Amino acid sequence: YTFRFNRRTSTHRGKLFYRLLQNAVRVGPTTFDQMKKNVRGTRLHKHYI
């Protein structure tokens, strides 16, 4: 999903908020464990240059 919306030149600025709410209802709730599993861990590789 690519979000492209120019809020400065838009004549209907409420549409941005409406689309965000619409997407939030469609996706549903997310648990902390679901968000945590998509985060990259710290790098343990050492670069010898």
Protein backbone atom coordinates (compact mmCIF):
# COMPACT_ATOMS: atom_id res chain seq x y z
CA TYR A 1 0.00 0.00 0.00
CA THR A 2 1.56 3.24 -1.13
CA PHE A 3 0.12 6.31 0.52
CA ARG A 4 0.21 9.33 -1.76
CA PHE A 5 -1.84 12.33 -0.81
CA ASN A 6 -0.83 15.96 -1.11
CA ARG A 7 -2.52 17.57 1.87
CA ARG A 8 -1.41 21.11 1.01
CA THR A 9 -3.02 21.30 -2.41
CA SER A 10 -6.00 19.12 -1.59
CA THR A 11 -9.40 20.75 -1.69
CA HIS A 12 -10.82 18.05 0.59
CA ARG A 13 -8.42 17.79 3.52
CA GLY A 14 -10.79 15.62 5.54
CA LYS A 15 -10.28 12.86 2.98
CA LEU A 16 -6.84 12.10 4.44
CA PHE A 17 -8.29 11.40 7.89
CA TYR A 18 -11.17 9.44 6.36
CA ARG A 19 -8.80 7.21 4.37
CA LEU A 20 -6.60 6.58 7.42
CA LEU A 21 -9.63 5.53 9.47
CA GLN A 22 -10.90 3.37 6.63
CA ASN A 23 -7.57 1.54 6.42
CA ALA A 24 -7.37 1.10 10.21
CA VAL A 25 -10.80 -0.55 10.30
CA ARG A 26 -9.97 -2.83 7.37
CA VAL A 27 -6.67 -4.07 8.82
CA GLY A 28 -7.86 -4.80 12.34
CA PRO A 29 -5.97 -4.87 15.64
CA THR A 30 -2.29 -5.76 15.88
CA THR A 31 -0.66 -7.27 18.95
CA PHE A 32 2.74 -6.23 20.27
CA ASP A 33 4.19 -9.64 19.40
CA GLN A 34 3.14 -9.21 15.75
CA MET A 35 4.89 -5.84 15.56
CA LYS A 36 7.96 -7.08 17.42
CA LYS A 37 8.65 -9.99 15.05
CA ASN A 38 9.10 -7.60 12.09
CA VAL A 39 11.82 -5.50 13.77
CA ARG A 40 15.42 -6.13 12.81
CA GLY A 41 17.78 -7.05 15.59
CA THR A 42 21.14 -5.48 16.26
CA ARG A 43 23.97 -6.36 13.92
CA LEU A 44 26.56 -8.66 15.37
CA HIS A 45 28.84 -8.74 12.32
CA LYS A 46 32.23 -7.11 12.60
CA HIS A 47 33.71 -5.65 9.49
CA TYR A 48 37.46 -6.02 9.22
CA ILE A 49 38.58 -3.43 6.70
